Amino acid sequence: MGIHTILNSLSDFSVWAINSAGYIGIFFTMVLEGFSIPLPSEVILPLGGYIASKGSLNVLGVVLAGSLGGTVGSIALYYVSMFFGRGFIKKWGKYVLISEKHLDSMERWFENYGNFTVFTTRLLPIVRGLVAIPAGISKMNIWSYALYTFLGSFIWALILVYFGFQLGLSGLNMDVIWLIVLILVGVTFGIYFGYKFLKRYVLLFNIIVNVILWSFLGFFVFFALYEAYFPISAHDLNYSNIKAIENIKGDFSFYAVGNTFYNVEYFDSFSSATGTNKFIVDTGNMVYSGDLSKYKILLNDLKRLKIPFLAVPGPRDLTDGGYANFYHVFGSYEYTFHVNKTFFVVLNNSNGKITQSQFDWLSDRLSRASTYTQKFLVMHTPAFWMKGSKKMDENISKNLQDILLKSKVNLVISTGPFNYSETPVPYVQVGGRNYAIVNVGNEISVTHGALPSLNSNFNQVMQNLSVYVYTYLVMEWPIIGIISIIVLLLWFVYKRYKITVKIERK
């Protein structure tokens, strides 16, 4: 049996296990890990993040399942230690690799740094769960213990899940990921057994271990930064998709969507749509903001689509360097294409305005399309006569209306609360969970579509909150990480200063 076969089997089993058990499986495996059973979170949580990048799980769900599971398992060990004492742990702990040396080390940490040790050790590998033992023996306040444990577990889970999520976005094969995992496991065992045989060369051994560990840390940091900020390979997607769309023969239909930024898994709902006569037009605001990492998340979501996708720029798509990123990924901000005898014009009015040169360009394109039987205009910001709070001003809208009526445009598609009207120019507005299905044949028909919503207002609020938090965590992780590290360092310095002053006073 070759290494490729072994890796492939591990990949299939691990993906099947987490896909089948989902959040419950992650929760219970992390309960065991929190109880200091040697099930490495360094494998479980990145794998959950990897599967989340494919759309089967939600990133926030994986982080919460992991952190809650670790907290519950650690609380269980806390109570075992409190009721049965150190002797029980010393006698039976060896069967789950808890040595007396580990216990002594944790007790010294707990004695020196107090309750905050619970938080800091949750961010350390190997000894993460052992702090429950001195905390339980000393009968630390359970609510403080639970809070510190959850906060540390949450940050730990967030880091590991994010790493797995980025691996998934990178397109690396699961074989490669398992190879990395096996190397890490091999290095861990190598450190353990190496120490057994090289005790006499402690200094040399420590240098080797530090070089290996810091090399891995450097690689992970570099990889995360590379994935977030380095160029992406996809480019001119609108052009390649237009070529596929212009090969459609006969009647066709397309989905008109917009303001999809609020949910990075929005397009999962369209992943089952198939057919050679269908496509999707997004009227803009596809990403939370226009930096490169957001476009990478969007592209990962679009990979699951089986039909062509066309993008129209919205204001969010063009912020934070978005002008360059949109142009690189999708191509021109304004363009035209045709399907049989239907002509489409895409106009960039993401700033809520249309300049005179844009009006001239629009008039020219529509006049050249006089032989087409149907004409469509797609733009982001709605005209003054449409619904919505953010609209173009009345004068610009009047000029646009004159051009559209003169050119006999059949339908205008824009963002806003869902609305379909025939006057003064036929138009449909889409946005958020509400989209339109436009069927085009000898006649044009528009039907309303909507993503599933929850029954009660409370559940809807919780769903919206979950989507917002999830999106923010995935998209703003560098800021969250920097703030967390600063707070951790300040708190650690404060505790160290307090302890030093106490010793000096004695």
Foldseek 3Di string as FASTA:
>chain_A
DDLLVVLVVVLVVLLCQCLVCPLVSLLQLLLCVLLLQPDDPLPSLLQNLLVVLLPSHFLVSSLVSNLNSSLNSLLVNLQVLQPVHDVVCQVPVVVRPDHVVLLVVLLVCCVQQNPLSLQVLCQPPPSNNVNSNNCSNVVPPSVSNSVSSSVSSSVNSLVSSLLSNLVNLVVDDSSVVVVVVVVVVVVVVCLVVVCVVPVVVVVVSVVVNVVVVVVVVVVSVVSSCCSQAPDDDAFQLQVVQLVLQQPDDAWAKEKEAELQALFLLVCVVQLPDDDSRYEYEYQENNHQAQHDNRVSSNVSNCVSHHHRYAYAYAPRCPHPPNVVVCCGNHNDNWDWHDHVLEIETEAECNVLAADPVNLVVVLVVLVVSLRRPAYEYGHEAADPPDDDDRHHDPVRSVSVLVSCVVSVHQEYEYADDFDFDPPPHTYTHHYDQKMWMWIDHVDIDIDIDGDDADDDPVVRVVVSVVSNVSSCCNPVVVVVVVVVVVVVVVVVVVSNVVSVVVVVVD
